[in-house]
C-alpha atoms as a PDB file:
ATOM      1  CA  MET A   1     -63.057 -51.644 -47.013  1.00  0.00           C
ATOM      2  CA  SER A   2     -62.161 -55.256 -47.594  1.00  0.00           C
ATOM      3  CA  LYS A   3     -63.670 -58.061 -45.502  1.00  0.00           C
ATOM      4  CA  LYS A   4     -60.187 -58.925 -44.238  1.00  0.00           C
ATOM      5  CA  ARG A   5     -59.566 -55.342 -43.131  1.00  0.00           C
ATOM      6  CA  ARG A   6     -62.990 -55.184 -41.415  1.00  0.00           C
ATOM      7  CA  ARG A   7     -62.323 -58.463 -39.593  1.00  0.00           C
ATOM      8  CA  HIS A   8     -58.896 -57.146 -38.400  1.00  0.00           C
ATOM      9  CA  THR A   9     -60.473 -53.896 -37.161  1.00  0.00           C
ATOM     10  CA  ALA A  10     -63.265 -55.786 -35.396  1.00  0.00           C
ATOM     11  CA  THR A  11     -60.707 -58.077 -33.728  1.00  0.00           C
ATOM     12  CA  GLN A  12     -58.694 -55.066 -32.502  1.00  0.00           C
ATOM     13  CA  SER A  13     -61.830 -53.406 -31.102  1.00  0.00           C
ATOM     14  CA  SER A  14     -62.855 -56.591 -29.331  1.00  0.00           C
ATOM     15  CA  LEU A  15     -59.390 -56.969 -27.813  1.00  0.00           C
ATOM     16  CA  SER A  16     -59.393 -53.341 -26.680  1.00  0.00           C
ATOM     17  CA  LEU A  17     -62.764 -53.788 -25.019  1.00  0.00           C
ATOM     18  CA  ARG A  18     -61.607 -56.919 -23.223  1.00  0.00           C
ATOM     19  CA  ILE A  19     -58.495 -55.104 -21.983  1.00  0.00           C
ATOM     20  CA  ILE A  20     -60.558 -52.118 -20.850  1.00  0.00           C
ATOM     21  CA  TRP A  21     -63.149 -54.264 -19.062  1.00  0.00           C
ATOM     22  CA  PHE A  22     -60.386 -56.260 -17.397  1.00  0.00           C
ATOM     23  CA  TRP A  23     -58.394 -53.293 -16.122  1.00  0.00           C
ATOM     24  CA  ILE A  24     -61.309 -51.130 -14.990  1.00  0.00           C
ATOM     25  CA  PRO A  25     -62.358 -53.617 -12.253  1.00  0.00           C
ATOM     26  CA  VAL A  26     -58.708 -54.205 -11.325  1.00  0.00           C
ATOM     27  CA  CYS A  27     -58.087 -50.465 -10.927  1.00  0.00           C
ATOM     28  CA  ILE A  28     -61.296 -50.054  -8.936  1.00  0.00           C
ATOM     29  CA  ALA A  29     -60.293 -52.939  -6.671  1.00  0.00           C
ATOM     30  CA  ILE A  30     -56.801 -51.497  -6.099  1.00  0.00           C
ATOM     31  CA  PHE A  31     -58.224 -48.029  -5.402  1.00  0.00           C
ATOM     32  CA  SER A  32     -60.746 -49.502  -2.960  1.00  0.00           C
ATOM     33  CA  LEU A  33     -58.089 -51.479  -1.119  1.00  0.00           C
ATOM     34  CA  VAL A  34     -55.847 -48.412  -0.795  1.00  0.00           C
ATOM     35  CA  TYR A  35     -58.788 -46.291   0.370  1.00  0.00           C
ATOM     36  CA  LEU A  36     -59.916 -48.839   2.941  1.00  0.00           C
ATOM     37  CA  SER A  37     -56.348 -49.382   4.163  1.00  0.00           C
ATOM     38  CA  GLN A  38     -56.097 -45.666   4.938  1.00  0.00           C
ATOM     39  CA  LYS A  39     -59.478 -45.533   6.697  1.00  0.00           C
ATOM     40  CA  ARG A  40     -58.814 -48.430   9.068  1.00  0.00           C
ATOM     41  CA  PHE A  41     -56.435 -46.394  11.263  1.00  0.00           C
ATOM     42  CA  ASN A  42     -57.648 -44.823  14.504  1.00  0.00           C
ATOM     43  CA  PRO A  43     -55.493 -41.835  15.585  1.00  0.00           C
ATOM     44  CA  GLN A  44     -55.676 -42.442  19.342  1.00  0.00           C
ATOM     45  CA  ARG A  45     -55.061 -46.164  19.000  1.00  0.00           C
ATOM     46  CA  GLU A  46     -52.098 -45.698  16.657  1.00  0.00           C
ATOM     47  CA  ALA A  47     -50.520 -43.018  18.851  1.00  0.00           C
ATOM     48  CA  GLN A  48     -50.593 -45.240  21.913  1.00  0.00           C
ATOM     49  CA  ALA A  49     -49.501 -48.322  19.966  1.00  0.00           C
ATOM     50  CA  GLY A  50     -46.468 -46.334  18.815  1.00  0.00           C
ATOM     51  CA  LEU A  51     -45.606 -45.330  22.381  1.00  0.00           C
ATOM     52  CA  GLN A  52     -46.054 -48.936  23.523  1.00  0.00           C
ATOM     53  CA  GLN A  53     -43.700 -50.120  20.788  1.00  0.00           C
ATOM     54  CA  LEU A  54     -41.115 -47.524  21.767  1.00  0.00           C
ATOM     55  CA  ASN A  55     -41.262 -48.790  25.347  1.00  0.00           C
ATOM     56  CA  TYR A  56     -40.830 -52.338  24.034  1.00  0.00           C
ATOM     57  CA  TRP A  57     -37.537 -51.318  22.411  1.00  0.00           C
ATOM     58  CA  ARG A  58     -36.453 -49.257  25.438  1.00  0.00           C
ATOM     59  CA  ASN A  59     -37.101 -52.258  27.696  1.00  0.00           C
ATOM     60  CA  GLN A  60     -34.873 -54.455  25.513  1.00  0.00           C
ATOM     61  CA  ALA A  61     -32.143 -51.813  25.802  1.00  0.00           C
ATOM     62  CA  GLY A  62     -32.463 -51.844  29.606  1.00  0.00           C
ATOM     63  CA  LEU A  63     -34.069 -48.386  29.879  1.00  0.00           C
ATOM     64  CA  MET A  64     -36.998 -47.103  31.916  1.00  0.00           C
ATOM     65  CA  PRO A  65     -40.314 -46.844  30.058  1.00  0.00           C
ATOM     66  CA  LEU A  66     -41.760 -43.519  29.006  1.00  0.00           C
ATOM     67  CA  THR A  67     -45.003 -42.675  30.798  1.00  0.00           C
ATOM     68  CA  ARG A  68     -47.721 -40.661  29.068  1.00  0.00           C
ATOM     69  CA  TYR A  69     -47.630 -36.984  29.965  1.00  0.00           C
ATOM     70  CA  GLU A  70     -50.545 -34.784  28.922  1.00  0.00           C
ATOM     71  CA  MET A  71     -48.612 -31.650  27.924  1.00  0.00           C
ATOM     72  CA  LEU A  72     -46.186 -33.610  25.755  1.00  0.00           C
ATOM     73  CA  GLU A  73     -49.117 -35.432  24.169  1.00  0.00           C
ATOM     74  CA  GLU A  74     -50.814 -32.118  23.434  1.00  0.00           C
ATOM     75  CA  SER A  75     -47.730 -30.600  21.805  1.00  0.00           C
ATOM     76  CA  ALA A  76     -47.196 -33.767  19.743  1.00  0.00           C
ATOM     77  CA  GLN A  77     -50.847 -33.739  18.668  1.00  0.00           C
ATOM     78  CA  ASN A  78     -50.663 -30.095  17.623  1.00  0.00           C
ATOM     79  CA  HIS A  79     -47.644 -30.739  15.444  1.00  0.00           C
ATOM     80  CA  ALA A  80     -49.021 -33.955  13.943  1.00  0.00           C
ATOM     81  CA  LYS A  81     -52.139 -32.076  12.849  1.00  0.00           C
ATOM     82  CA  TYR A  82     -49.957 -29.331  11.374  1.00  0.00           C
ATOM     83  CA  LEU A  83     -47.904 -31.907   9.456  1.00  0.00           C
ATOM     84  CA  SER A  84     -51.041 -33.523   8.066  1.00  0.00           C
ATOM     85  CA  LYS A  85     -51.425 -30.329   5.992  1.00  0.00           C
ATOM     86  CA  ASP A  86     -47.810 -29.123   5.591  1.00  0.00           C
ATOM     87  CA  ALA A  87     -44.954 -31.646   5.578  1.00  0.00           C
ATOM     88  CA  HIS A  88     -42.316 -29.344   7.066  1.00  0.00           C
ATOM     89  CA  GLY A  89     -40.612 -31.791   9.435  1.00  0.00           C
ATOM     90  CA  HIS A  90     -39.730 -30.311  12.822  1.00  0.00           C
ATOM     91  CA  ASP A  91     -40.351 -26.738  11.693  1.00  0.00           C
ATOM     92  CA  GLU A  92     -43.670 -24.965  11.333  1.00  0.00           C
ATOM     93  CA  LEU A  93     -43.271 -22.448   8.530  1.00  0.00           C
ATOM     94  CA  ASN A  94     -46.870 -21.803   7.477  1.00  0.00           C
ATOM     95  CA  THR A  95     -48.478 -19.469  10.014  1.00  0.00           C
ATOM     96  CA  SER A  96     -51.792 -19.684   8.129  1.00  0.00           C
ATOM     97  CA  ASN A  97     -52.034 -23.418   8.850  1.00  0.00           C
ATOM     98  CA  PRO A  98     -54.929 -23.692  11.367  1.00  0.00           C
ATOM     99  CA  PHE A  99     -52.790 -25.980  13.542  1.00  0.00           C
ATOM    100  CA  PHE A 100     -49.748 -23.672  13.724  1.00  0.00           C
ATOM    101  CA  THR A 101     -48.537 -23.418  17.350  1.00  0.00           C
ATOM    102  CA  GLY A 102     -44.876 -22.425  17.042  1.00  0.00           C
ATOM    103  CA  GLU A 103     -41.865 -22.604  14.754  1.00  0.00           C
ATOM    104  CA  THR A 104     -39.771 -25.122  16.745  1.00  0.00           C
ATOM    105  CA  PRO A 105     -40.448 -28.155  18.970  1.00  0.00           C
ATOM    106  CA  GLN A 106     -39.371 -26.282  22.103  1.00  0.00           C
ATOM    107  CA  VAL A 107     -41.569 -23.288  21.355  1.00  0.00           C
ATOM    108  CA  ARG A 108     -44.542 -25.604  20.775  1.00  0.00           C
ATOM    109  CA  ALA A 109     -43.912 -27.482  24.034  1.00  0.00           C
ATOM    110  CA  THR A 110     -43.577 -24.228  25.976  1.00  0.00           C
ATOM    111  CA  ALA A 111     -46.827 -23.012  24.420  1.00  0.00           C
ATOM    112  CA  VAL A 112     -48.763 -25.862  26.096  1.00  0.00           C
ATOM    113  CA  GLY A 113     -47.023 -25.322  29.448  1.00  0.00           C
ATOM    114  CA  TYR A 114     -44.160 -27.842  29.346  1.00  0.00           C
ATOM    115  CA  SER A 115     -41.206 -26.049  30.922  1.00  0.00           C
ATOM    116  CA  ALA A 116     -38.271 -28.456  30.393  1.00  0.00           C
ATOM    117  CA  PRO A 117     -36.251 -29.318  27.260  1.00  0.00           C
ATOM    118  CA  ILE A 118     -37.834 -31.869  24.920  1.00  0.00           C
ATOM    119  CA  ALA A 119     -36.750 -34.172  22.092  1.00  0.00           C
ATOM    120  CA  GLU A 120     -39.045 -34.589  19.085  1.00  0.00           C
ATOM    121  CA  ASN A 121     -39.032 -37.494  16.634  1.00  0.00           C
ATOM    122  CA  LEU A 122     -41.450 -37.984  13.777  1.00  0.00           C
ATOM    123  CA  THR A 123     -42.317 -39.617  10.481  1.00  0.00           C
ATOM    124  CA  ILE A 124     -44.250 -38.116   7.553  1.00  0.00           C
ATOM    125  CA  GLY A 125     -45.578 -39.958   4.511  1.00  0.00           C
ATOM    126  CA  ASN A 126     -48.100 -39.828   1.701  1.00  0.00           C
ATOM    127  CA  PHE A 127     -49.812 -43.000   2.920  1.00  0.00           C
ATOM    128  CA  ALA A 128     -50.883 -43.924   6.425  1.00  0.00           C
ATOM    129  CA  ARG A 129     -48.778 -46.349   8.407  1.00  0.00           C
ATOM    130  CA  SER A 130     -49.394 -47.654  11.890  1.00  0.00           C
ATOM    131  CA  GLY A 131     -47.866 -46.154  15.012  1.00  0.00           C
ATOM    132  CA  LYS A 132     -45.991 -49.409  15.592  1.00  0.00           C
ATOM    133  CA  SER A 133     -44.534 -49.407  12.074  1.00  0.00           C
ATOM    134  CA  SER A 134     -43.587 -45.744  12.453  1.00  0.00           C
ATOM    135  CA  ILE A 135     -41.568 -46.482  15.595  1.00  0.00           C
ATOM    136  CA  ASP A 136     -39.945 -49.553  14.036  1.00  0.00           C
ATOM    137  CA  GLY A 137     -38.830 -47.395  11.118  1.00  0.00           C
ATOM    138  CA  LEU A 138     -37.476 -44.668  13.409  1.00  0.00           C
ATOM    139  CA  MET A 139     -35.471 -47.251  15.350  1.00  0.00           C
ATOM    140  CA  THR A 140     -33.513 -48.132  12.188  1.00  0.00           C
ATOM    141  CA  ALA A 141     -32.718 -44.428  11.625  1.00  0.00           C
ATOM    142  CA  ILE A 142     -29.603 -43.846  13.696  1.00  0.00           C
ATOM    143  CA  TYR A 143     -30.060 -40.191  14.691  1.00  0.00           C
ATOM    144  CA  HIS A 144     -33.704 -40.726  15.658  1.00  0.00           C
ATOM    145  CA  ARG A 145     -32.871 -43.951  17.510  1.00  0.00           C
ATOM    146  CA  LEU A 146     -30.235 -42.303  19.686  1.00  0.00           C
ATOM    147  CA  SER A 147     -32.735 -39.632  20.666  1.00  0.00           C
ATOM    148  CA  LEU A 148     -35.535 -42.125  21.369  1.00  0.00           C
ATOM    149  CA  LEU A 149     -33.204 -44.182  23.581  1.00  0.00           C
ATOM    150  CA  ASN A 150     -32.147 -41.300  25.817  1.00  0.00           C
ATOM    151  CA  PRO A 151     -31.948 -42.906  29.297  1.00  0.00           C
ATOM    152  CA  ASN A 152     -32.632 -39.581  31.040  1.00  0.00           C
ATOM    153  CA  HIS A 153     -36.121 -39.325  29.555  1.00  0.00           C
ATOM    154  CA  ASP A 154     -39.026 -40.869  31.427  1.00  0.00           C
ATOM    155  CA  GLU A 155     -42.156 -39.198  30.008  1.00  0.00           C
ATOM    156  CA  ALA A 156     -43.564 -38.693  26.541  1.00  0.00           C
ATOM    157  CA  GLY A 157     -46.572 -37.916  24.407  1.00  0.00           C
ATOM    158  CA  ALA A 158     -47.337 -39.490  21.034  1.00  0.00           C
ATOM    159  CA  ALA A 159     -49.746 -38.431  18.286  1.00  0.00           C
ATOM    160  CA  TRP A 160     -50.916 -39.734  14.916  1.00  0.00           C
ATOM    161  CA  ALA A 161     -52.751 -37.718  12.246  1.00  0.00           C
ATOM    162  CA  ASN A 162     -53.818 -38.313   8.667  1.00  0.00           C
ATOM    163  CA  GLY A 163     -54.795 -35.731   6.070  1.00  0.00           C
ATOM    164  CA  LYS A 164     -52.971 -34.660   2.948  1.00  0.00           C
ATOM    165  CA  TYR A 165     -50.001 -36.345   4.665  1.00  0.00           C
ATOM    166  CA  ASN A 166     -49.749 -38.966   7.381  1.00  0.00           C
ATOM    167  CA  ALA A 167     -47.748 -37.972  10.470  1.00  0.00           C
ATOM    168  CA  PHE A 168     -46.617 -39.681  13.652  1.00  0.00           C
ATOM    169  CA  VAL A 169     -44.933 -37.545  16.350  1.00  0.00           C
ATOM    170  CA  VAL A 170     -43.306 -38.412  19.687  1.00  0.00           C
ATOM    171  CA  ASN A 171     -42.231 -35.724  22.157  1.00  0.00           C
ATOM    172  CA  GLN A 172     -40.048 -36.833  25.084  1.00  0.00           C
ATOM    173  CA  GLY A 173     -38.806 -35.164  28.220  1.00  0.00           C
ATOM    174  CA  SER A 174     -37.553 -35.651  31.779  1.00  0.00           C
ATOM    175  CA  SER A 175     -39.817 -35.344  34.803  1.00  0.00           C
ATOM    176  CA  TYR A 176     -36.765 -34.349  36.862  1.00  0.00           C
ATOM    177  CA  ASP A 177     -35.905 -31.501  34.490  1.00  0.00           C
ATOM    178  CA  ARG A 178     -39.545 -30.390  34.423  1.00  0.00           C
ATOM    179  CA  GLU A 179     -39.779 -30.319  38.204  1.00  0.00           C
ATOM    180  CA  VAL A 180     -36.574 -28.324  38.693  1.00  0.00           C
ATOM    181  CA  CYS A 181     -37.634 -25.893  35.961  1.00  0.00           C
ATOM    182  CA  ASP A 182     -40.869 -25.333  37.883  1.00  0.00           C
ATOM    183  CA  THR A 183     -39.087 -24.845  41.232  1.00  0.00           C
ATOM    184  CA  PRO A 184     -38.374 -21.182  42.088  1.00  0.00           C
ATOM    185  CA  PRO A 185     -34.706 -20.320  42.871  1.00  0.00           C
ATOM    186  CA  ASN A 186     -33.964 -20.119  46.613  1.00  0.00           C
ATOM    187  CA  GLY A 187     -30.197 -19.931  47.017  1.00  0.00           C
ATOM    188  CA  LYS A 188     -29.506 -23.603  47.581  1.00  0.00           C
ATOM    189  CA  ARG A 189     -26.042 -25.143  47.487  1.00  0.00           C
ATOM    190  CA  TYR A 190     -25.787 -26.409  43.877  1.00  0.00           C
ATOM    191  CA  ILE A 191     -26.451 -24.427  40.725  1.00  0.00           C
ATOM    192  CA  MET A 192     -27.240 -26.076  37.401  1.00  0.00           C
ATOM    193  CA  THR A 193     -27.680 -24.154  34.159  1.00  0.00           C
ATOM    194  CA  MET A 194     -30.253 -25.601  31.762  1.00  0.00           C
ATOM    195  CA  PRO A 195     -32.936 -24.476  29.312  1.00  0.00           C
ATOM    196  CA  CYS A 196     -36.361 -23.840  30.840  1.00  0.00           C
ATOM    197  CA  ARG A 197     -39.273 -22.553  28.750  1.00  0.00           C
ATOM    198  CA  GLY A 198     -36.820 -22.096  25.913  1.00  0.00           C
ATOM    199  CA  LYS A 199     -34.381 -19.892  27.847  1.00  0.00           C
ATOM    200  CA  SER A 200     -31.136 -20.708  29.687  1.00  0.00           C
ATOM    201  CA  VAL A 201     -31.617 -20.300  33.432  1.00  0.00           C
ATOM    202  CA  GLU A 202     -29.785 -21.128  36.660  1.00  0.00           C
ATOM    203  CA  ILE A 203     -31.423 -23.875  38.744  1.00  0.00           C
ATOM    204  CA  HIS A 204     -30.646 -24.024  42.478  1.00  0.00           C
ATOM    205  CA  LEU A 205     -30.479 -27.514  43.998  1.00  0.00           C
ATOM    206  CA  ASP A 206     -29.878 -29.100  47.413  1.00  0.00           C
ATOM    207  CA  THR A 207     -28.019 -32.019  45.790  1.00  0.00           C
ATOM    208  CA  PRO A 208     -26.284 -32.544  42.446  1.00  0.00           C
ATOM    209  CA  PRO A 209     -28.565 -33.692  39.607  1.00  0.00           C
ATOM    210  CA  PRO A 210     -28.852 -37.475  39.258  1.00  0.00           C
ATOM    211  CA  SER A 211     -26.411 -39.178  36.934  1.00  0.00           C
ATOM    212  CA  GLN A 212     -26.165 -42.779  35.784  1.00  0.00           C
ATOM    213  CA  GLU A 213     -23.347 -44.587  34.040  1.00  0.00           C
ATOM    214  CA  ILE A 214     -24.815 -46.674  31.243  1.00  0.00           C
ATOM    215  CA  ALA A 215     -23.908 -47.882  27.775  1.00  0.00           C
ATOM    216  CA  VAL A 216     -27.074 -47.975  25.652  1.00  0.00           C
ATOM    217  CA  LYS A 217     -26.755 -50.715  23.022  1.00  0.00           C
ATOM    218  CA  PHE A 218     -29.059 -51.375  20.096  1.00  0.00           C
ATOM    219  CA  PRO A 219     -30.355 -53.568  18.520  1.00  0.00           C
ATOM    220  CA  ILE A 220     -30.390 -55.923  21.451  1.00  0.00           C
ATOM    221  CA  GLY A 221     -32.773 -58.753  22.261  1.00  0.00           C
ATOM    222  CA  GLU A 222     -35.381 -59.993  19.794  1.00  0.00           C
ATOM    223  CA  ASN A 223     -37.242 -58.953  16.621  1.00  0.00           C
ATOM    224  CA  ALA A 224     -34.753 -56.429  15.233  1.00  0.00           C
ATOM    225  CA  GLU A 225     -35.401 -55.086  11.754  1.00  0.00           C
ATOM    226  CA  PRO A 226     -32.862 -56.485   9.251  1.00  0.00           C
ATOM    227  CA  LYS A 227     -32.338 -53.313   7.214  1.00  0.00           C
ATOM    228  CA  TYR A 228     -32.268 -49.521   7.112  1.00  0.00           C
ATOM    229  CA  ASP A 229     -34.212 -48.127   4.141  1.00  0.00           C
ATOM    230  CA  GLY A 230     -31.980 -45.102   3.495  1.00  0.00           C
ATOM    231  CA  LYS A 231     -34.756 -42.559   4.127  1.00  0.00           C
ATOM    232  CA  GLU A 232     -33.603 -40.800   7.281  1.00  0.00           C
ATOM    233  CA  THR A 233     -33.207 -37.030   6.923  1.00  0.00           C
ATOM    234  CA  PRO A 234     -30.379 -36.177   7.033  1.00  0.00           C
ATOM    235  CA  ASN A 235     -29.102 -39.478   5.684  1.00  0.00           C
ATOM    236  CA  PRO A 236     -26.160 -40.972   7.624  1.00  0.00           C
ATOM    237  CA  MET A 237     -25.349 -43.253   4.655  1.00  0.00           C
ATOM    238  CA  PRO A 238     -25.856 -40.999   1.602  1.00  0.00           C
ATOM    239  CA  HIS A 239     -23.850 -43.251  -0.741  1.00  0.00           C
ATOM    240  CA  TYR A 240     -26.129 -46.287  -0.315  1.00  0.00           C
ATOM    241  CA  ASP A 241     -29.781 -46.865  -1.220  1.00  0.00           C
ATOM    242  CA  LYS A 242     -30.183 -49.081   1.835  1.00  0.00           C
ATOM    243  CA  THR A 243     -28.003 -50.934   4.340  1.00  0.00           C
ATOM    244  CA  GLY A 244     -28.330 -53.346   7.198  1.00  0.00           C
ATOM    245  CA  ASN A 245     -29.917 -52.059  10.383  1.00  0.00           C
ATOM    246  CA  PRO A 246     -27.133 -50.071  12.084  1.00  0.00           C
ATOM    247  CA  VAL A 247     -25.680 -51.252  15.386  1.00  0.00           C
ATOM    248  CA  SER A 248     -25.076 -48.495  17.926  1.00  0.00           C
ATOM    249  CA  ILE A 249     -23.658 -47.865  21.365  1.00  0.00           C
ATOM    250  CA  ALA A 250     -23.952 -44.616  23.327  1.00  0.00           C
ATOM    251  CA  PHE A 251     -22.287 -43.917  26.685  1.00  0.00           C
ATOM    252  CA  TYR A 252     -23.914 -41.788  29.379  1.00  0.00           C
ATOM    253  CA  GLY A 253     -22.394 -40.498  32.617  1.00  0.00           C
ATOM    254  CA  GLN A 254     -18.859 -41.752  31.916  1.00  0.00           C
ATOM    255  CA  LYS A 255     -16.123 -39.858  33.746  1.00  0.00           C
ATOM    256  CA  GLY A 256     -13.375 -40.351  31.156  1.00  0.00           C
ATOM    257  CA  ASP A 257     -12.750 -40.051  27.429  1.00  0.00           C
ATOM    258  CA  ILE A 258     -13.770 -43.035  25.329  1.00  0.00           C
ATOM    259  CA  ARG A 259     -11.508 -44.084  22.468  1.00  0.00           C
ATOM    260  CA  MET A 260     -12.834 -46.742  20.126  1.00  0.00           C
ATOM    261  CA  GLU A 261     -10.392 -49.503  19.182  1.00  0.00           C
ATOM    262  CA  ASP A 262     -12.670 -51.787  17.139  1.00  0.00           C
ATOM    263  CA  PHE A 263     -16.361 -52.250  16.368  1.00  0.00           C
ATOM    264  CA  GLN A 264     -17.397 -55.648  14.982  1.00  0.00           C
ATOM    265  CA  ILE A 265     -20.526 -57.584  14.099  1.00  0.00           C
ATOM    266  CA  PHE A 266     -20.590 -61.370  13.699  1.00  0.00           C
ATOM    267  CA  ALA A 267     -23.080 -63.558  11.851  1.00  0.00           C
ATOM    268  CA  PRO A 268     -23.317 -67.288  12.639  1.00  0.00           C
ATOM    269  CA  ASN A 269     -20.726 -67.998   9.923  1.00  0.00           C
ATOM    270  CA  GLY A 270     -18.214 -65.342  10.998  1.00  0.00           C
ATOM    271  CA  GLU A 271     -17.491 -61.614  11.049  1.00  0.00           C
ATOM    272  CA  ILE A 272     -19.278 -59.291   8.640  1.00  0.00           C
ATOM    273  CA  THR A 273     -16.452 -57.250   7.157  1.00  0.00           C
ATOM    274  CA  LYS A 274     -18.373 -55.028   4.720  1.00  0.00           C
ATOM    275  CA  THR A 275     -19.279 -52.290   7.204  1.00  0.00           C
ATOM    276  CA  GLU A 276     -18.945 -48.556   7.750  1.00  0.00           C
ATOM    277  CA  ILE A 277     -18.411 -47.028  11.187  1.00  0.00           C
ATOM    278  CA  LEU A 278     -19.627 -43.562  12.130  1.00  0.00           C
ATOM    279  CA  THR A 279     -18.084 -41.584  14.967  1.00  0.00           C
ATOM    280  CA  VAL A 280     -18.041 -37.923  15.903  1.00  0.00           C
ATOM    281  CA  SER A 281     -15.206 -37.428  13.389  1.00  0.00           C
ATOM    282  CA  SER A 282     -16.654 -39.450  10.480  1.00  0.00           C
ATOM    283  CA  ASP A 283     -20.368 -38.634  10.728  1.00  0.00           C
ATOM    284  CA  PRO A 284     -21.234 -36.818   7.455  1.00  0.00           C
ATOM    285  CA  ASN A 285     -23.903 -34.738   9.201  1.00  0.00           C
ATOM    286  CA  ASN A 286     -21.937 -33.886  12.375  1.00  0.00           C
ATOM    287  CA  LEU A 287     -24.781 -35.056  14.621  1.00  0.00           C
ATOM    288  CA  LEU A 288     -23.043 -37.768  16.657  1.00  0.00           C
ATOM    289  CA  SER A 289     -21.424 -36.837  19.956  1.00  0.00           C
ATOM    290  CA  LYS A 290     -18.006 -38.114  21.049  1.00  0.00           C
ATOM    291  CA  THR A 291     -19.708 -40.834  23.138  1.00  0.00           C
ATOM    292  CA  GLU A 292     -21.917 -42.192  20.320  1.00  0.00           C
ATOM    293  CA  PHE A 293     -20.817 -44.824  17.801  1.00  0.00           C
ATOM    294  CA  ALA A 294     -22.636 -46.582  14.956  1.00  0.00           C
ATOM    295  CA  LEU A 295     -21.720 -49.507  12.707  1.00  0.00           C
ATOM    296  CA  PHE A 296     -23.597 -50.015   9.422  1.00  0.00           C
ATOM    297  CA  PRO A 297     -23.488 -53.428   7.717  1.00  0.00           C
ATOM    298  CA  ILE A 298     -23.451 -52.494   4.028  1.00  0.00           C
ATOM    299  CA  GLU A 299     -25.771 -55.368   3.092  1.00  0.00           C
ATOM    300  CA  PRO A 300     -29.167 -55.945   4.794  1.00  0.00           C
ATOM    301  CA  LEU A 301     -29.018 -58.513   7.568  1.00  0.00           C
ATOM    302  CA  ALA A 302     -30.667 -61.929   7.245  1.00  0.00           C
ATOM    303  CA  PHE A 303     -34.100 -62.623   8.702  1.00  0.00           C
ATOM    304  CA  ASP A 304     -34.498 -64.695  11.883  1.00  0.00           C
ATOM    305  CA  THR A 305     -30.747 -64.782  12.558  1.00  0.00           C
ATOM    306  CA  GLU A 306     -28.719 -64.140  15.702  1.00  0.00           C
ATOM    307  CA  TYR A 307     -25.833 -61.666  15.541  1.00  0.00           C
ATOM    308  CA  ARG A 308     -23.103 -60.877  18.029  1.00  0.00           C
ATOM    309  CA  VAL A 309     -21.563 -57.424  18.480  1.00  0.00           C
ATOM    310  CA  ALA A 310     -18.233 -56.490  20.070  1.00  0.00           C
ATOM    311  CA  PHE A 311     -17.173 -52.917  20.863  1.00  0.00           C
ATOM    312  CA  HIS A 312     -13.529 -52.613  21.999  1.00  0.00           C
ATOM    313  CA  TYR A 313     -12.463 -49.309  23.526  1.00  0.00           C
ATOM    314  CA  HIS A 314     -10.092 -47.530  25.921  1.00  0.00           C
ATOM    315  CA  MET A 315     -11.208 -45.391  28.840  1.00  0.00           C
ATOM    316  CA  ASN A 316      -8.788 -43.804  31.309  1.00  0.00           C
ATOM    317  CA  GLY A 317      -5.973 -45.913  29.880  1.00  0.00           C
ATOM    318  CA  GLU A 318      -7.841 -49.171  30.462  1.00  0.00           C
ATOM    319  CA  LYS A 319      -8.965 -51.604  27.761  1.00  0.00           C
ATOM    320  CA  LYS A 320     -12.674 -52.411  27.898  1.00  0.00           C
ATOM    321  CA  LEU A 321     -15.185 -54.487  25.948  1.00  0.00           C
ATOM    322  CA  GLU A 322     -18.940 -54.208  25.488  1.00  0.00           C
ATOM    323  CA  GLU A 323     -20.447 -57.318  23.927  1.00  0.00           C
ATOM    324  CA  TRP A 324     -24.064 -58.228  23.194  1.00  0.00           C
ATOM    325  CA  THR A 325     -26.346 -60.196  20.870  1.00  0.00           C
ATOM    326  CA  PHE A 326     -29.594 -59.604  19.008  1.00  0.00           C
ATOM    327  CA  ARG A 327     -31.872 -61.569  16.733  1.00  0.00           C
ATOM    328  CA  THR A 328     -33.587 -60.239  13.621  1.00  0.00           C
ATOM    329  CA  ARG A 329     -37.296 -60.763  13.115  1.00  0.00           C
ATOM    330  CA  LYS A 330     -38.876 -63.428  10.943  1.00  0.00           C
ATOM    331  CA  LYS A 331     -40.232 -62.686   7.482  1.00  0.00           C
ATOM    332  CA  ARG A 332     -43.815 -61.451   7.540  1.00  0.00           C
ATOM    333  CA  HIS A 333     -44.647 -62.685   4.028  1.00  0.00           C
ATOM    334  CA  TRP A 334     -43.076 -64.291   0.950  1.00  0.00           C
ATOM    335  CA  PHE A 335     -42.404 -60.969  -0.797  1.00  0.00           C
ATOM    336  CA  GLU A 336     -39.894 -59.727   1.797  1.00  0.00           C
ATOM    337  CA  TRP A 337     -36.274 -60.026   0.782  1.00  0.00           C
END
């Protein structure tokens, strides 16, 4: 072999060694950071931080907070542990999973003694994320948001678990519904039919069930997320990778039909015209009710910016307007865009 060839081979070997000895420490450092980032989470702390964050958003929307309720917390914990092994969403399909407690959310809640209907919302991922971040993500997902902002709910249980998968689960319910489900029938004046322990039953009441007229608007107030990441299942915006955080309004207790006339969002420099509006007739997944409306800005919203929303509608032949403002959060670091 010529001296020139030997020198070239030696140079290549030296370069390869330098590359190897550079990347080995880098890979070890990255692996260590990822490992430590997963280990820093405490399940109880993250579960309660998530519930606190949900109450923060409910407060901004003018709703009562959700108080911790042991049975709902137990059913949420059972399902979070199940999901940490099998990422099956709201269903439990693997009966050999040691944390299997029932196929559906209602069956699981009934199994721990909760008698009234519940709503379940959750996130699942390959890497751990905080309870607060989980709630913030759910609040940009329109179907989950509408469920989390149900004004009739006043109690909840949250759980966080990490295993093969990371899971955060919130189960919500109504103390009123739970109490009437637990009250034996006695021939009182009013009869209400509702699910109790997973079965439709007649509830006898002295007075009609409570009802409130409210329009739940979101985002509203401060620190709104600027975008929706396109990961809700099912996806309300299947033709886009991501959009701006959707704006929504949901009416409860209204005595007449609501007919939308216009739904607008305004930035400081004028109306945002690149939007899509979902209603009961245009929702691709048929999950919205006739009193729920959502507007998606096609482009992500700007950070630290105030927006104004106007919802024009008719009810009982009368023109009405719901108008509100919100401000998006500030950037957390330079890499956000």
